[in-house]
Protein backbone atom coordinates (compact mmCIF):
# COMPACT_ATOMS: atom_id res chain seq x y z
CA MET A 1 156.68 -47.18 234.99
CA THR A 2 153.85 -47.49 232.42
CA LEU A 3 151.17 -46.56 235.05
CA ILE A 4 152.92 -43.74 236.51
CA ALA A 5 153.55 -41.95 233.26
CA PRO A 6 149.81 -41.36 232.51
CA ILE A 7 149.14 -40.14 236.08
CA ARG A 8 151.98 -37.76 235.88
CA MET A 9 150.65 -36.27 232.43
CA ALA A 10 147.13 -35.93 233.92
CA LEU A 11 148.61 -33.97 236.81
CA ILE A 12 150.53 -31.62 234.60
CA ALA A 13 147.46 -31.13 232.45
CA GLY A 14 145.34 -30.27 235.46
CA VAL A 15 147.91 -27.76 236.73
CA ALA A 16 148.20 -26.06 233.40
CA LEU A 17 144.24 -25.78 233.16
CA CYS A 18 144.21 -24.29 236.61
CA GLY A 19 146.64 -21.78 235.79
CA VAL A 20 144.70 -20.70 232.70
CA SER A 21 141.54 -20.43 234.87
CA LEU A 22 143.34 -18.42 237.51
CA ALA A 23 144.72 -16.12 234.75
CA SER A 24 141.35 -15.66 233.19
CA CYS A 25 139.87 -14.90 236.64
CA SER A 26 142.50 -12.33 237.40
CA GLU A 27 141.89 -10.21 234.22
CA PRO A 28 139.86 -6.97 234.87
CA ALA A 29 136.20 -6.93 233.64
CA PRO A 30 135.59 -4.88 230.41
CA PRO A 31 134.34 -1.34 230.90
CA PRO A 32 130.68 -0.69 230.82
CA PRO A 33 129.18 0.61 227.57
CA PRO A 34 128.92 4.40 227.45
CA PRO A 35 125.61 5.88 228.70
CA LEU A 36 123.08 6.79 226.00
CA THR A 37 122.79 10.38 225.00
CA PRO A 38 119.47 11.83 226.51
CA PRO A 39 117.08 13.05 223.86
CA PRO A 40 117.11 16.93 223.54
CA THR A 41 114.65 18.76 225.66
CA PRO A 42 112.31 21.10 223.51
CA ALA A 43 111.94 24.69 224.56
CA ALA A 44 109.20 25.38 227.09
CA PHE A 45 105.91 26.57 225.66
CA SER A 46 105.31 30.24 226.30
CA LEU A 47 102.51 32.60 225.32
CA SER A 48 102.28 35.86 227.36
CA THR A 49 99.28 36.41 229.57
CA ARG A 50 98.63 39.71 227.76
CA VAL A 51 98.20 37.82 224.39
CA ILE A 52 95.84 35.42 225.93
CA ALA A 53 93.95 38.21 227.67
CA ASN A 54 93.41 39.86 224.24
CA ALA A 55 91.96 36.57 223.00
CA ALA A 56 89.62 36.28 225.96
CA ALA A 57 88.44 39.81 225.62
CA TYR A 58 87.78 39.26 221.94
CA GLU A 59 85.80 36.01 222.42
CA ASP A 60 83.85 37.58 225.33
CA TYR A 61 82.76 40.61 223.24
CA MET A 62 81.75 38.42 220.19
CA ALA A 63 79.75 36.13 222.41
CA ARG A 64 77.92 38.96 224.25
CA ALA A 65 77.29 41.03 221.19
CA ALA A 66 75.87 38.15 219.22
CA LEU A 67 73.36 37.57 222.11
CA VAL A 68 71.88 41.11 221.84
CA ASP A 69 68.06 40.61 222.16
CA PRO A 70 66.31 42.30 219.24
CA ASN A 71 62.89 42.42 221.14
CA PHE A 72 63.54 45.87 222.54
CA LYS A 73 60.70 47.10 225.02
CA SER A 74 62.10 50.55 225.87
CA GLY A 75 64.65 53.39 225.16
CA ALA A 76 66.65 52.00 228.07
CA ASP A 77 66.92 48.61 226.46
CA VAL A 78 68.31 50.25 223.28
CA ALA A 79 70.67 52.58 225.24
CA GLN A 80 72.02 49.49 227.13
CA ALA A 81 72.48 47.34 223.96
CA LEU A 82 74.28 50.36 222.19
CA LYS A 83 76.57 50.73 225.17
CA LEU A 84 77.72 47.15 224.98
CA GLY A 85 78.20 47.59 221.12
CA ALA A 86 80.23 50.70 221.29
CA SER A 87 82.51 49.37 223.97
CA ASP A 88 84.87 47.59 221.49
CA ASP A 89 87.99 49.22 220.35
CA PRO A 90 88.92 48.30 216.76
CA GLN A 91 92.61 47.95 217.50
CA ALA A 92 92.03 45.85 220.67
CA LEU A 93 89.46 43.81 218.86
CA LEU A 94 91.91 42.99 216.08
CA ARG A 95 94.73 41.97 218.54
CA GLY A 96 92.17 39.63 220.28
CA GLU A 97 91.06 38.30 216.88
CA ILE A 98 94.57 37.31 215.94
CA ALA A 99 95.46 36.06 219.31
CA TYR A 100 92.31 33.79 219.18
CA ALA A 101 93.34 32.64 215.68
CA ALA A 102 96.73 31.66 217.26
CA ILE A 103 95.07 29.65 220.06
CA ALA A 104 92.87 27.98 217.53
CA ALA A 105 95.96 27.04 215.45
CA LEU A 106 97.54 25.49 218.70
CA GLN A 107 94.74 22.94 218.69
CA ASP A 108 96.15 21.19 215.55
CA PRO A 109 98.45 18.37 216.70
CA ASN A 110 100.22 18.21 213.22
CA TYR A 111 101.28 21.91 213.32
CA VAL A 112 102.30 21.64 217.07
CA ALA A 113 104.50 18.55 216.33
CA SER A 114 106.24 20.10 213.24
CA VAL A 115 107.11 23.35 215.09
CA ARG A 116 108.26 21.63 218.14
CA ASN A 117 110.79 19.67 216.23
CA TYR A 118 112.74 22.98 215.64
CA SER A 119 112.64 23.79 219.33
CA GLU A 120 114.86 20.93 220.19
CA ASN A 121 117.96 22.60 218.97
CA ASP A 122 118.72 26.19 220.29
CA ALA A 123 120.25 27.46 217.05
CA ALA A 124 117.45 25.96 214.81
CA ARG A 125 114.87 27.48 217.18
CA ARG A 126 116.31 30.92 217.33
CA GLN A 127 116.76 31.04 213.54
CA LEU A 128 113.22 30.01 212.87
CA ALA A 129 111.83 32.49 215.34
CA GLY A 130 113.81 35.23 213.81
CA LEU A 131 112.54 34.46 210.33
CA ILE A 132 108.98 34.45 211.53
CA GLU A 133 109.44 37.71 213.36
CA GLN A 134 110.69 39.30 210.30
CA ASP A 135 108.05 37.85 207.97
CA PRO A 136 105.05 36.02 209.45
CA ARG A 137 104.43 34.26 206.05
CA TYR A 138 107.40 32.05 206.64
CA VAL A 139 105.02 29.75 208.65
CA LEU A 140 103.34 28.79 205.36
CA GLY A 141 106.19 26.44 204.62
CA LEU A 142 105.80 24.54 207.94
CA PRO A 143 104.25 21.15 207.90
CA GLY A 144 100.71 21.21 209.40
CA ALA A 145 100.14 24.86 208.42
CA ASN A 146 97.09 23.99 206.17
CA THR A 147 95.35 22.07 208.99
CA ALA A 148 96.06 24.67 211.64
CA ALA A 149 94.94 27.31 209.38
CA GLY A 150 91.75 25.53 208.74
CA LEU A 151 90.90 25.63 212.51
CA ALA A 152 91.60 29.27 212.72
CA ILE A 153 89.52 30.09 209.77
CA ALA A 154 86.54 27.79 211.13
CA ALA A 155 86.83 29.60 214.49
CA LEU A 156 86.63 33.13 213.22
CA THR A 157 84.03 32.31 210.58
CA ASP A 158 81.64 30.94 213.15
CA GLN A 159 82.09 33.91 215.27
CA GLY A 160 81.63 36.36 212.51
CA GLN A 161 78.57 34.50 211.17
CA LYS A 162 76.87 34.72 214.54
CA LEU A 163 77.42 38.44 214.92
CA LYS A 164 76.36 39.25 211.39
CA ALA A 165 73.16 37.09 211.94
CA ALA A 166 72.52 39.08 215.25
CA GLY A 167 72.90 42.35 213.27
CA ALA A 168 70.30 41.21 210.81
CA ALA A 169 67.79 40.48 213.50
CA VAL A 170 68.41 43.64 215.24
CA LYS A 171 68.22 45.75 211.99
CA GLN A 172 64.86 44.04 211.17
CA SER A 173 63.59 45.06 214.69
CA ALA A 174 64.28 48.65 213.79
CA TYR A 175 61.27 48.43 211.40
CA ASP A 176 59.06 45.98 213.52
CA VAL A 177 59.42 48.16 216.59
CA GLN A 178 57.91 51.22 214.86
CA HIS A 179 54.37 50.27 215.92
CA GLN A 180 55.43 51.00 219.63
CA ALA A 181 55.04 54.58 220.59
CA TRP A 182 58.26 54.80 222.68
CA SER A 183 60.35 53.75 219.67
CA LYS A 184 59.56 57.07 217.83
CA GLU A 185 60.48 59.23 220.72
CA PHE A 186 63.66 61.32 220.24
CA VAL A 187 66.71 60.17 222.09
CA PRO A 188 67.40 62.71 224.82
CA ASP A 189 70.78 64.38 224.90
CA ARG A 190 71.75 63.10 221.48
CA ASP A 191 75.14 64.89 221.35
CA GLU A 192 76.02 63.39 224.79
CA ARG A 193 74.94 60.01 223.65
CA LEU A 194 77.30 60.29 220.66
CA ALA A 195 80.11 61.55 222.76
CA SER A 196 79.60 58.73 225.26
CA ALA A 197 79.73 56.15 222.36
CA LYS A 198 83.02 57.51 221.21
CA ASN A 199 84.52 57.63 224.68
CA SER A 200 83.42 54.27 225.78
CA SER A 201 85.45 52.19 223.21
CA GLY A 202 87.62 49.91 225.09
CA PHE A 203 86.43 50.71 228.59
CA THR A 204 84.66 47.43 229.01
CA PHE A 205 86.62 45.51 226.51
CA THR A 206 88.00 42.83 228.92
CA GLY A 207 87.50 39.09 229.15
CA ARG A 208 86.24 37.07 232.17
CA ALA A 209 88.71 35.46 234.46
CA ASP A 210 87.46 32.09 233.95
CA GLU A 211 87.62 32.45 230.13
CA LEU A 212 91.16 33.80 230.45
CA ALA A 213 92.15 30.47 232.43
CA HIS A 214 90.37 28.31 230.01
CA LEU A 215 92.16 29.87 226.97
CA GLN A 216 95.64 29.41 228.91
CA ARG A 217 94.84 25.75 229.27
CA ALA A 218 93.58 25.41 225.78
CA ALA A 219 96.78 27.19 224.49
CA ALA A 220 99.02 24.80 226.26
CA GLY A 221 97.11 21.66 225.15
CA PHE A 222 95.50 20.80 228.52
CA GLU A 223 91.79 21.84 227.58
CA PRO A 224 91.43 21.61 223.88
CA LEU A 225 88.77 23.83 222.21
CA ALA A 226 85.96 22.11 220.39
CA LEU A 227 87.15 22.87 216.87
CA ASN A 228 86.85 20.66 213.82
CA ALA A 229 87.60 21.75 210.19
CA PRO A 230 89.20 20.51 207.05
CA PRO A 231 92.51 21.74 205.86
CA ALA A 232 92.59 25.25 204.38
CA THR A 233 93.66 26.08 200.92
CA ALA A 234 96.20 28.75 200.33
CA PRO A 235 96.51 31.58 200.16
CA TYR A 236 95.42 32.35 203.70
CA PRO A 237 94.12 35.77 204.85
CA PRO A 238 96.63 37.90 206.76
CA VAL A 239 94.87 37.65 210.21
CA VAL A 240 95.11 33.75 209.94
CA ILE A 241 98.85 33.93 208.84
CA ARG A 242 99.64 36.14 211.82
CA GLY A 243 97.74 33.94 214.16
CA LEU A 244 99.90 30.85 212.91
CA ALA A 245 102.97 33.03 213.44
CA VAL A 246 102.14 33.76 217.07
CA ALA A 247 101.37 30.22 217.69
CA ALA A 248 104.76 29.07 216.17
CA LEU A 249 106.64 31.45 218.38
CA ALA A 250 104.71 30.22 221.51
CA LEU A 251 105.82 26.64 220.52
CA LEU A 252 109.44 27.77 220.19
CA GLY A 253 109.28 29.26 223.61
CA GLU A 254 109.62 32.81 222.01
CA ALA A 255 106.15 34.41 222.81
CA GLY A 256 106.38 34.87 226.64
CA GLU A 257 106.30 38.10 228.69
CA GLU A 258 109.88 38.78 227.83
CA ASN A 259 109.14 38.60 224.12
CA GLU A 260 106.14 40.87 224.12
CA THR A 261 107.78 43.60 221.99
CA LEU A 262 108.66 41.06 219.25
CA VAL A 263 105.13 39.49 219.26
CA ALA A 264 103.19 42.95 219.25
CA PRO A 265 103.87 43.76 215.53
CA LEU A 266 102.13 40.41 214.68
CA LEU A 267 98.97 41.19 216.41
CA THR A 268 97.93 43.89 213.85
CA ASP A 269 97.26 44.13 210.17
CA PRO A 270 96.57 47.44 208.16
CA THR A 271 93.93 46.01 205.86
CA SER A 272 91.93 44.30 208.72
CA ALA A 273 92.27 47.35 210.92
CA ASN A 274 90.72 49.46 208.01
CA CYS A 275 87.60 47.45 208.04
CA LEU A 276 86.86 47.50 211.75
CA ASN A 277 87.77 51.20 211.90
CA MET A 278 85.24 51.87 209.17
CA ALA A 279 82.62 50.01 211.00
CA LYS A 280 83.13 52.26 214.04
CA LEU A 281 83.14 55.43 211.90
CA ASN A 282 80.02 54.46 210.30
CA LEU A 283 78.42 53.90 213.58
CA TYR A 284 79.42 57.53 214.71
CA GLN A 285 78.05 58.97 211.44
CA CYS A 286 74.77 57.00 211.89
CA LEU A 287 74.34 58.08 215.56
CA ALA A 288 75.00 61.72 214.65
CA VAL A 289 71.92 61.85 212.41
CA ALA A 290 69.69 59.30 214.34
CA LYS A 291 66.97 60.97 216.29
CA PRO A 292 64.15 58.46 217.49
CA TYR A 293 65.02 55.19 219.24
CA TYR A 294 64.26 53.09 216.29
CA GLU A 295 67.06 54.78 214.32
CA ASP A 296 69.42 54.04 217.14
CA ILE A 297 68.38 50.29 216.83
CA PHE A 298 69.19 50.44 213.08
CA CYS A 299 72.63 52.02 213.81
CA LEU A 300 73.36 49.16 216.32
CA GLY A 301 72.24 46.32 214.06
CA GLU A 302 73.84 47.68 210.83
CA HIS A 303 77.18 49.16 211.94
CA VAL A 304 77.93 47.47 215.30
CA LEU A 305 76.89 43.75 214.82
CA HIS A 306 76.54 43.35 211.02
CA ASP A 307 79.60 45.30 209.92
CA THR A 308 81.88 43.95 212.69
CA GLY A 309 80.81 40.48 211.97
CA GLU A 310 81.35 40.92 208.31
CA CYS A 311 84.85 42.27 209.02
CA VAL A 312 85.73 39.07 211.00
CA MET A 313 84.34 36.91 208.29
CA ILE A 314 86.43 38.79 205.72
CA ASP A 315 89.56 38.31 208.05
CA ALA A 316 88.78 34.59 207.84
CA GLY A 317 88.78 34.55 204.05
CA ALA A 318 85.11 35.53 203.11
CA PRO A 319 84.92 37.53 199.92
CA VAL A 320 84.86 41.36 200.30
CA PRO A 321 81.35 42.75 199.56
CA PRO A 322 81.20 45.85 197.37
CA ALA A 323 81.68 48.91 199.46
CA PRO A 324 78.66 51.32 199.49
CA SER A 325 79.23 54.87 198.28
CA THR A 326 77.85 56.40 201.48
CA PRO A 327 76.66 54.76 204.81
CA ALA A 328 73.13 53.53 204.68
CA PRO A 329 70.64 55.91 206.36
CA PRO A 330 68.44 54.79 209.09
CA PRO A 331 65.05 53.40 208.05
CA ALA A 332 62.13 55.67 207.55
CA PRO A 333 58.96 55.14 209.53
CA ALA A 334 56.95 52.34 208.46
CA PRO A 335 53.94 53.59 206.46
CA ALA A 336 50.63 53.46 208.14
CA LYS A 337 48.25 50.71 206.96
CA PRO A 338 45.12 52.24 205.18
CA ALA A 339 41.93 51.72 206.93
CA PRO A 340 39.72 49.00 205.34
CA SER A 341 36.94 50.53 203.23
CA ARG A 342 33.39 50.00 204.41
CA ARG A 343 30.85 49.30 201.69
CA ARG A 344 27.31 50.22 202.42
CA ALA A 345 24.92 47.34 202.64
CA GLY A 346 22.67 47.44 199.67
């Protein structure tokens, strides 16, 4: 009896343990954890082809005009250079300038990241886009605005300086070329030449297809522009502010083809337009009184290249120079050098 009792107790304990194990095995497995919420997807980047085409046309004109060769050899050379210079339309040039400032601002990763944060929520995205459309100065409160403005200012300043320097070289050639007989010949059909200059504005103001493709990739961040500049200090000029506004709308997905009517008002500025319009008006006035070819060279250097370059530099924040009371007249012929005196031999 004493031996059987322990065995019986062990069997009872084993059966009980087996029951517990079977009970635990028969219980359903706990449910899996809920799936992680996927991160919000930012709105797709969108910048209309027309805006980028404006920037490409502006960049192409500024580059070609800055390369005008001041070493004129004939009246045909002068007429060809003048045709290029007169081909810009002030309003189109300004649209392209602001569009190019926008693409320059899109090269700043700080500005891109801060605006993209708002694009992850539809309500916040649409609210910010509406505020910018109503007042482009709203972008001044966005993180990274100072570094983006620095890039835009540097890009426009460089282009304006190159054009202004080209104007100085061409204007100097108006004096230097006067020792060549052809430069003193009167331009034939002067009235027709003036009318042609007025009618040609905008006819050739288009960008190259390869440059358009390059700026499309640069705007989207696939082929960055070679820009490097320190952060800008407020206040920023209107053209730069509007460029930052267009860039922000593109990052919010609100500057595509379907949004062109909302973006169009941002691509102009009355003050900047006045400067470019005055440069064109002064060109027409200069050509109206110019007669020999060297005077046409002066008109080209002073009012096409120098004045337009100065306008772009002002748009980038350069000080506004004092306005002359009247447009500068073409240069007078260079005085002839007196013949050296001959002394009799004693």
